[in-house]
Amino acid sequence: MTTVNVTQGDATVVTVTTAGPQGPAGPAGDATGLPAGGDPGNILIKTTNANYAADWAATLDGGTFY
């Protein structure tokens, strides 16, 4: 890793760091992503307190939802 600091007076104003090579891919996920469906203008809401419990809902006026 290479780091270059640019200073002005006593203050560091820019720090540029170059990272190393890309690491290996991680394990596959558990496929708990967004629920399928939904229409343009819908919002994603929680349906219960459980993890990943979500669904699409329409808004009443483009911003109010229940």
PDB file of N, CA and C in Angstrom:
ATOM      1  N   MET A   1       0.847  -1.165   0.000  1.00  0.00           N
ATOM      2  CA  MET A   1       0.000   0.000   0.000  1.00  0.00           C
ATOM      3  C   MET A   1       0.897   1.234   0.000  1.00  0.00           C
ATOM      4  N   THR A   2       0.525   2.206  -0.806  1.00  0.00           N
ATOM      5  CA  THR A   2       1.282   3.444  -0.891  1.00  0.00           C
ATOM      6  C   THR A   2       0.409   4.590  -0.402  1.00  0.00           C
ATOM      7  N   THR A   3       0.955   5.431   0.472  1.00  0.00           N
ATOM      8  CA  THR A   3       0.223   6.593   0.970  1.00  0.00           C
ATOM      9  C   THR A   3       1.031   7.843   0.711  1.00  0.00           C
ATOM     10  N   VAL A   4       0.373   8.869   0.185  1.00  0.00           N
ATOM     11  CA  VAL A   4       1.003  10.167  -0.051  1.00  0.00           C
ATOM     12  C   VAL A   4       0.185  11.213   0.689  1.00  0.00           C
ATOM     13  N   ASN A   5       0.822  11.984   1.572  1.00  0.00           N
ATOM     14  CA  ASN A   5       0.164  13.058   2.296  1.00  0.00           C
ATOM     15  C   ASN A   5       0.592  14.398   1.721  1.00  0.00           C
ATOM     16  N   VAL A   6      -0.359  15.274   1.446  1.00  0.00           N
ATOM     17  CA  VAL A   6      -0.063  16.632   1.000  1.00  0.00           C
ATOM     18  C   VAL A   6      -0.368  17.555   2.171  1.00  0.00           C
ATOM     19  N   THR A   7       0.629  18.313   2.588  1.00  0.00           N
ATOM     20  CA  THR A   7       0.439  19.193   3.738  1.00  0.00           C
ATOM     21  C   THR A   7       0.549  20.651   3.337  1.00  0.00           C
ATOM     22  N   GLN A   8      -0.130  21.481   4.120  1.00  0.00           N
ATOM     23  CA  GLN A   8      -0.048  22.935   3.953  1.00  0.00           C
ATOM     24  C   GLN A   8       0.183  23.492   5.340  1.00  0.00           C
ATOM     25  N   GLY A   9       1.358  23.986   5.573  1.00  0.00           N
ATOM     26  CA  GLY A   9       1.718  24.405   6.921  1.00  0.00           C
ATOM     27  C   GLY A   9       1.816  23.180   7.810  1.00  0.00           C
ATOM     28  N   ASP A  10       1.085  23.203   8.929  1.00  0.00           N
ATOM     29  CA  ASP A  10       1.086  22.066   9.846  1.00  0.00           C
ATOM     30  C   ASP A  10      -0.078  21.101   9.604  1.00  0.00           C
ATOM     31  N   ALA A  11      -0.947  21.395   8.625  1.00  0.00           N
ATOM     32  CA  ALA A  11      -2.143  20.584   8.410  1.00  0.00           C
ATOM     33  C   ALA A  11      -1.998  19.690   7.183  1.00  0.00           C
ATOM     34  N   THR A  12      -2.498  18.470   7.305  1.00  0.00           N
ATOM     35  CA  THR A  12      -2.593  17.574   6.155  1.00  0.00           C
ATOM     36  C   THR A  12      -3.872  17.912   5.416  1.00  0.00           C
ATOM     37  N   VAL A  13      -3.768  18.286   4.143  1.00  0.00           N
ATOM     38  CA  VAL A  13      -4.945  18.679   3.379  1.00  0.00           C
ATOM     39  C   VAL A  13      -5.445  17.583   2.455  1.00  0.00           C
ATOM     40  N   VAL A  14      -4.600  16.691   2.034  1.00  0.00           N
ATOM     41  CA  VAL A  14      -5.009  15.595   1.160  1.00  0.00           C
ATOM     42  C   VAL A  14      -4.190  14.366   1.520  1.00  0.00           C
ATOM     43  N   THR A  15      -4.860  13.233   1.632  1.00  0.00           N
ATOM     44  CA  THR A  15      -4.187  11.957   1.799  1.00  0.00           C
ATOM     45  C   THR A  15      -4.663  11.048   0.686  1.00  0.00           C
ATOM     46  N   VAL A  16      -3.752  10.526  -0.109  1.00  0.00           N
ATOM     47  CA  VAL A  16      -4.073   9.622  -1.201  1.00  0.00           C
ATOM     48  C   VAL A  16      -3.458   8.266  -0.860  1.00  0.00           C
ATOM     49  N   THR A  17      -4.283   7.246  -0.847  1.00  0.00           N
ATOM     50  CA  THR A  17      -3.818   5.898  -0.540  1.00  0.00           C
ATOM     51  C   THR A  17      -4.224   4.971  -1.672  1.00  0.00           C
ATOM     52  N   THR A  18      -3.280   4.213  -2.160  1.00  0.00           N
ATOM     53  CA  THR A  18      -3.612   3.219  -3.176  1.00  0.00           C
ATOM     54  C   THR A  18      -3.735   1.869  -2.489  1.00  0.00           C
ATOM     55  N   ALA A  19      -4.784   1.151  -2.805  1.00  0.00           N
ATOM     56  CA  ALA A  19      -5.036  -0.148  -2.187  1.00  0.00           C
ATOM     57  C   ALA A  19      -4.330  -1.251  -2.940  1.00  0.00           C
ATOM     58  N   GLY A  20      -4.277  -2.397  -2.312  1.00  0.00           N
ATOM     59  CA  GLY A  20      -3.680  -3.571  -2.934  1.00  0.00           C
ATOM     60  C   GLY A  20      -4.642  -4.217  -3.911  1.00  0.00           C
ATOM     61  N   PRO A  21      -4.319  -5.408  -4.364  1.00  0.00           N
ATOM     62  CA  PRO A  21      -5.159  -6.096  -5.344  1.00  0.00           C
ATOM     63  C   PRO A  21      -6.488  -6.548  -4.742  1.00  0.00           C
ATOM     64  N   GLN A  22      -7.470  -6.787  -5.617  1.00  0.00           N
ATOM     65  CA  GLN A  22      -8.776  -7.284  -5.199  1.00  0.00           C
ATOM     66  C   GLN A  22      -8.642  -8.650  -4.541  1.00  0.00           C
ATOM     67  N   GLY A  23      -9.343  -8.854  -3.444  1.00  0.00           N
ATOM     68  CA  GLY A  23      -9.317 -10.142  -2.761  1.00  0.00           C
ATOM     69  C   GLY A  23     -10.274 -11.132  -3.407  1.00  0.00           C
ATOM     70  N   PRO A  24     -10.300 -12.341  -2.897  1.00  0.00           N
ATOM     71  CA  PRO A  24     -11.189 -13.364  -3.463  1.00  0.00           C
ATOM     72  C   PRO A  24     -12.650 -13.048  -3.161  1.00  0.00           C
ATOM     73  N   ALA A  25     -13.548 -13.606  -3.978  1.00  0.00           N
ATOM     74  CA  ALA A  25     -14.982 -13.407  -3.771  1.00  0.00           C
ATOM     75  C   ALA A  25     -15.412 -14.056  -2.469  1.00  0.00           C
ATOM     76  N   GLY A  26     -16.378 -13.447  -1.812  1.00  0.00           N
ATOM     77  CA  GLY A  26     -16.922 -13.996  -0.575  1.00  0.00           C
ATOM     78  C   GLY A  26     -17.937 -15.088  -0.854  1.00  0.00           C
ATOM     79  N   PRO A  27     -18.469 -15.680   0.210  1.00  0.00           N
ATOM     80  CA  PRO A  27     -19.442 -16.760   0.035  1.00  0.00           C
ATOM     81  C   PRO A  27     -20.763 -16.216  -0.521  1.00  0.00           C
ATOM     82  N   ALA A  28     -21.527 -17.099  -1.135  1.00  0.00           N
ATOM     83  CA  ALA A  28     -22.826 -16.724  -1.676  1.00  0.00           C
ATOM     84  C   ALA A  28     -23.751 -16.305  -0.543  1.00  0.00           C
ATOM     85  N   GLY A  29     -24.643 -15.352  -0.826  1.00  0.00           N
ATOM     86  CA  GLY A  29     -25.601 -14.884   0.168  1.00  0.00           C
ATOM     87  C   GLY A  29     -26.731 -15.873   0.356  1.00  0.00           C
ATOM     88  N   ASP A  30     -27.663 -15.505   1.237  1.00  0.00           N
ATOM     89  CA  ASP A  30     -28.785 -16.399   1.520  1.00  0.00           C
ATOM     90  C   ASP A  30     -30.043 -16.013   0.750  1.00  0.00           C
ATOM     91  N   ALA A  31     -29.913 -15.170  -0.270  1.00  0.00           N
ATOM     92  CA  ALA A  31     -31.005 -14.780  -1.161  1.00  0.00           C
ATOM     93  C   ALA A  31     -32.117 -14.030  -0.457  1.00  0.00           C
ATOM     94  N   THR A  32     -31.831 -13.373   0.663  1.00  0.00           N
ATOM     95  CA  THR A  32     -32.850 -12.567   1.331  1.00  0.00           C
ATOM     96  C   THR A  32     -32.661 -11.121   0.921  1.00  0.00           C
ATOM     97  N   GLY A  33     -33.119 -10.795  -0.265  1.00  0.00           N
ATOM     98  CA  GLY A  33     -33.006  -9.439  -0.781  1.00  0.00           C
ATOM     99  C   GLY A  33     -34.362  -8.771  -0.778  1.00  0.00           C
ATOM    100  N   LEU A  34     -34.568  -7.894  -1.715  1.00  0.00           N
ATOM    101  CA  LEU A  34     -35.851  -7.220  -1.833  1.00  0.00           C
ATOM    102  C   LEU A  34     -36.917  -8.182  -2.316  1.00  0.00           C
ATOM    103  N   PRO A  35     -38.157  -8.007  -1.844  1.00  0.00           N
ATOM    104  CA  PRO A  35     -39.218  -8.857  -2.372  1.00  0.00           C
ATOM    105  C   PRO A  35     -39.483  -8.532  -3.836  1.00  0.00           C
ATOM    106  N   ALA A  36     -39.893  -9.531  -4.593  1.00  0.00           N
ATOM    107  CA  ALA A  36     -40.199  -9.318  -6.006  1.00  0.00           C
ATOM    108  C   ALA A  36     -41.434  -8.440  -6.144  1.00  0.00           C
ATOM    109  N   GLY A  37     -41.553  -7.813  -7.291  1.00  0.00           N
ATOM    110  CA  GLY A  37     -42.748  -7.016  -7.577  1.00  0.00           C
ATOM    111  C   GLY A  37     -42.546  -5.554  -7.272  1.00  0.00           C
ATOM    112  N   GLY A  38     -43.630  -4.904  -6.929  1.00  0.00           N
ATOM    113  CA  GLY A  38     -43.594  -3.469  -6.691  1.00  0.00           C
ATOM    114  C   GLY A  38     -43.848  -2.726  -7.983  1.00  0.00           C
ATOM    115  N   ASP A  39     -44.479  -1.595  -7.878  1.00  0.00           N
ATOM    116  CA  ASP A  39     -44.780  -0.747  -9.031  1.00  0.00           C
ATOM    117  C   ASP A  39     -44.020   0.563  -8.898  1.00  0.00           C
ATOM    118  N   PRO A  40     -43.838   1.293  -9.993  1.00  0.00           N
ATOM    119  CA  PRO A  40     -43.199   2.608  -9.890  1.00  0.00           C
ATOM    120  C   PRO A  40     -43.930   3.471  -8.863  1.00  0.00           C
ATOM    121  N   GLY A  41     -43.188   4.096  -8.003  1.00  0.00           N
ATOM    122  CA  GLY A  41     -43.766   4.939  -6.955  1.00  0.00           C
ATOM    123  C   GLY A  41     -44.032   4.209  -5.661  1.00  0.00           C
ATOM    124  N   ASN A  42     -43.962   2.867  -5.658  1.00  0.00           N
ATOM    125  CA  ASN A  42     -44.136   2.106  -4.422  1.00  0.00           C
ATOM    126  C   ASN A  42     -42.947   2.320  -3.507  1.00  0.00           C
ATOM    127  N   ILE A  43     -43.166   2.063  -2.223  1.00  0.00           N
ATOM    128  CA  ILE A  43     -42.088   2.144  -1.238  1.00  0.00           C
ATOM    129  C   ILE A  43     -41.962   0.801  -0.544  1.00  0.00           C
ATOM    130  N   LEU A  44     -40.803   0.501  -0.024  1.00  0.00           N
ATOM    131  CA  LEU A  44     -40.559  -0.738   0.693  1.00  0.00           C
ATOM    132  C   LEU A  44     -40.848  -0.487   2.164  1.00  0.00           C
ATOM    133  N   ILE A  45     -41.723  -1.307   2.782  1.00  0.00           N
ATOM    134  CA  ILE A  45     -42.064  -1.141   4.197  1.00  0.00           C
ATOM    135  C   ILE A  45     -41.840  -2.448   4.944  1.00  0.00           C
ATOM    136  N   LYS A  46     -41.586  -2.355   6.252  1.00  0.00           N
ATOM    137  CA  LYS A  46     -41.502  -3.530   7.113  1.00  0.00           C
ATOM    138  C   LYS A  46     -42.913  -4.042   7.350  1.00  0.00           C
ATOM    139  N   THR A  47     -43.106  -5.356   7.307  1.00  0.00           N
ATOM    140  CA  THR A  47     -44.421  -5.935   7.536  1.00  0.00           C
ATOM    141  C   THR A  47     -44.564  -6.527   8.931  1.00  0.00           C
ATOM    142  N   THR A  48     -43.457  -6.913   9.562  1.00  0.00           N
ATOM    143  CA  THR A  48     -43.442  -7.397  10.948  1.00  0.00           C
ATOM    144  C   THR A  48     -42.110  -6.978  11.560  1.00  0.00           C
ATOM    145  N   ASN A  49     -41.885  -7.356  12.805  1.00  0.00           N
ATOM    146  CA  ASN A  49     -40.594  -7.071  13.442  1.00  0.00           C
ATOM    147  C   ASN A  49     -39.517  -8.073  13.060  1.00  0.00           C
ATOM    148  N   ALA A  50     -39.885  -9.123  12.340  1.00  0.00           N
ATOM    149  CA  ALA A  50     -38.916 -10.153  11.955  1.00  0.00           C
ATOM    150  C   ALA A  50     -37.927  -9.607  10.928  1.00  0.00           C
ATOM    151  N   ASN A  51     -36.730 -10.165  10.933  1.00  0.00           N
ATOM    152  CA  ASN A  51     -35.734  -9.796   9.928  1.00  0.00           C
ATOM    153  C   ASN A  51     -36.254 -10.130   8.536  1.00  0.00           C
ATOM    154  N   TYR A  52     -35.965  -9.282   7.603  1.00  0.00           N
ATOM    155  CA  TYR A  52     -36.280  -9.461   6.178  1.00  0.00           C
ATOM    156  C   TYR A  52     -37.778  -9.472   5.871  1.00  0.00           C
ATOM    157  N   ALA A  53     -38.619  -9.106   6.821  1.00  0.00           N
ATOM    158  CA  ALA A  53     -40.066  -9.067   6.587  1.00  0.00           C
ATOM    159  C   ALA A  53     -40.412  -7.705   5.988  1.00  0.00           C
ATOM    160  N   ALA A  54     -40.514  -7.661   4.676  1.00  0.00           N
ATOM    161  CA  ALA A  54     -40.777  -6.403   3.988  1.00  0.00           C
ATOM    162  C   ALA A  54     -41.651  -6.668   2.776  1.00  0.00           C
ATOM    163  N   ASP A  55     -42.340  -5.636   2.332  1.00  0.00           N
ATOM    164  CA  ASP A  55     -43.163  -5.752   1.141  1.00  0.00           C
ATOM    165  C   ASP A  55     -43.310  -4.364   0.528  1.00  0.00           C
ATOM    166  N   TRP A  56     -43.824  -4.333  -0.685  1.00  0.00           N
ATOM    167  CA  TRP A  56     -44.041  -3.081  -1.390  1.00  0.00           C
ATOM    168  C   TRP A  56     -45.404  -2.511  -1.019  1.00  0.00           C
ATOM    169  N   ALA A  57     -45.497  -1.187  -0.921  1.00  0.00           N
ATOM    170  CA  ALA A  57     -46.770  -0.528  -0.617  1.00  0.00           C
ATOM    171  C   ALA A  57     -46.892   0.727  -1.467  1.00  0.00           C
ATOM    172  N   ALA A  58     -48.124   1.015  -1.849  1.00  0.00           N
ATOM    173  CA  ALA A  58     -48.391   2.237  -2.617  1.00  0.00           C
ATOM    174  C   ALA A  58     -48.476   3.421  -1.660  1.00  0.00           C
ATOM    175  N   THR A  59     -48.099   4.581  -2.130  1.00  0.00           N
ATOM    176  CA  THR A  59     -48.268   5.798  -1.348  1.00  0.00           C
ATOM    177  C   THR A  59     -49.601   6.419  -1.716  1.00  0.00           C
ATOM    178  N   LEU A  60     -50.192   7.172  -0.782  1.00  0.00           N
ATOM    179  CA  LEU A  60     -51.490   7.777  -1.042  1.00  0.00           C
ATOM    180  C   LEU A  60     -51.394   8.981  -1.969  1.00  0.00           C
ATOM    181  N   ASP A  61     -50.370   9.785  -1.783  1.00  0.00           N
ATOM    182  CA  ASP A  61     -50.263  11.010  -2.573  1.00  0.00           C
ATOM    183  C   ASP A  61     -48.845  11.260  -3.066  1.00  0.00           C
ATOM    184  N   GLY A  62     -48.072  10.203  -3.208  1.00  0.00           N
ATOM    185  CA  GLY A  62     -46.699  10.345  -3.639  1.00  0.00           C
ATOM    186  C   GLY A  62     -45.740  10.510  -2.490  1.00  0.00           C
ATOM    187  N   GLY A  63     -46.255  10.529  -1.248  1.00  0.00           N
ATOM    188  CA  GLY A  63     -45.355  10.692  -0.108  1.00  0.00           C
ATOM    189  C   GLY A  63     -45.938  10.225   1.201  1.00  0.00           C
ATOM    190  N   THR A  64     -47.273  10.135   1.311  1.00  0.00           N
ATOM    191  CA  THR A  64     -47.909   9.690   2.534  1.00  0.00           C
ATOM    192  C   THR A  64     -48.237   8.216   2.412  1.00  0.00           C
ATOM    193  N   PHE A  65     -47.939   7.442   3.458  1.00  0.00           N
ATOM    194  CA  PHE A  65     -48.243   6.020   3.410  1.00  0.00           C
ATOM    195  C   PHE A  65     -48.689   5.557   4.787  1.00  0.00           C
ATOM    196  N   TYR A  66     -49.382   4.470   4.823  1.00  0.00           N
ATOM    197  CA  TYR A  66     -49.883   3.900   6.067  1.00  0.00           C
ATOM    198  C   TYR A  66     -49.619   2.424   6.101  1.00  0.00           C
TER     199      TYR A  66
END
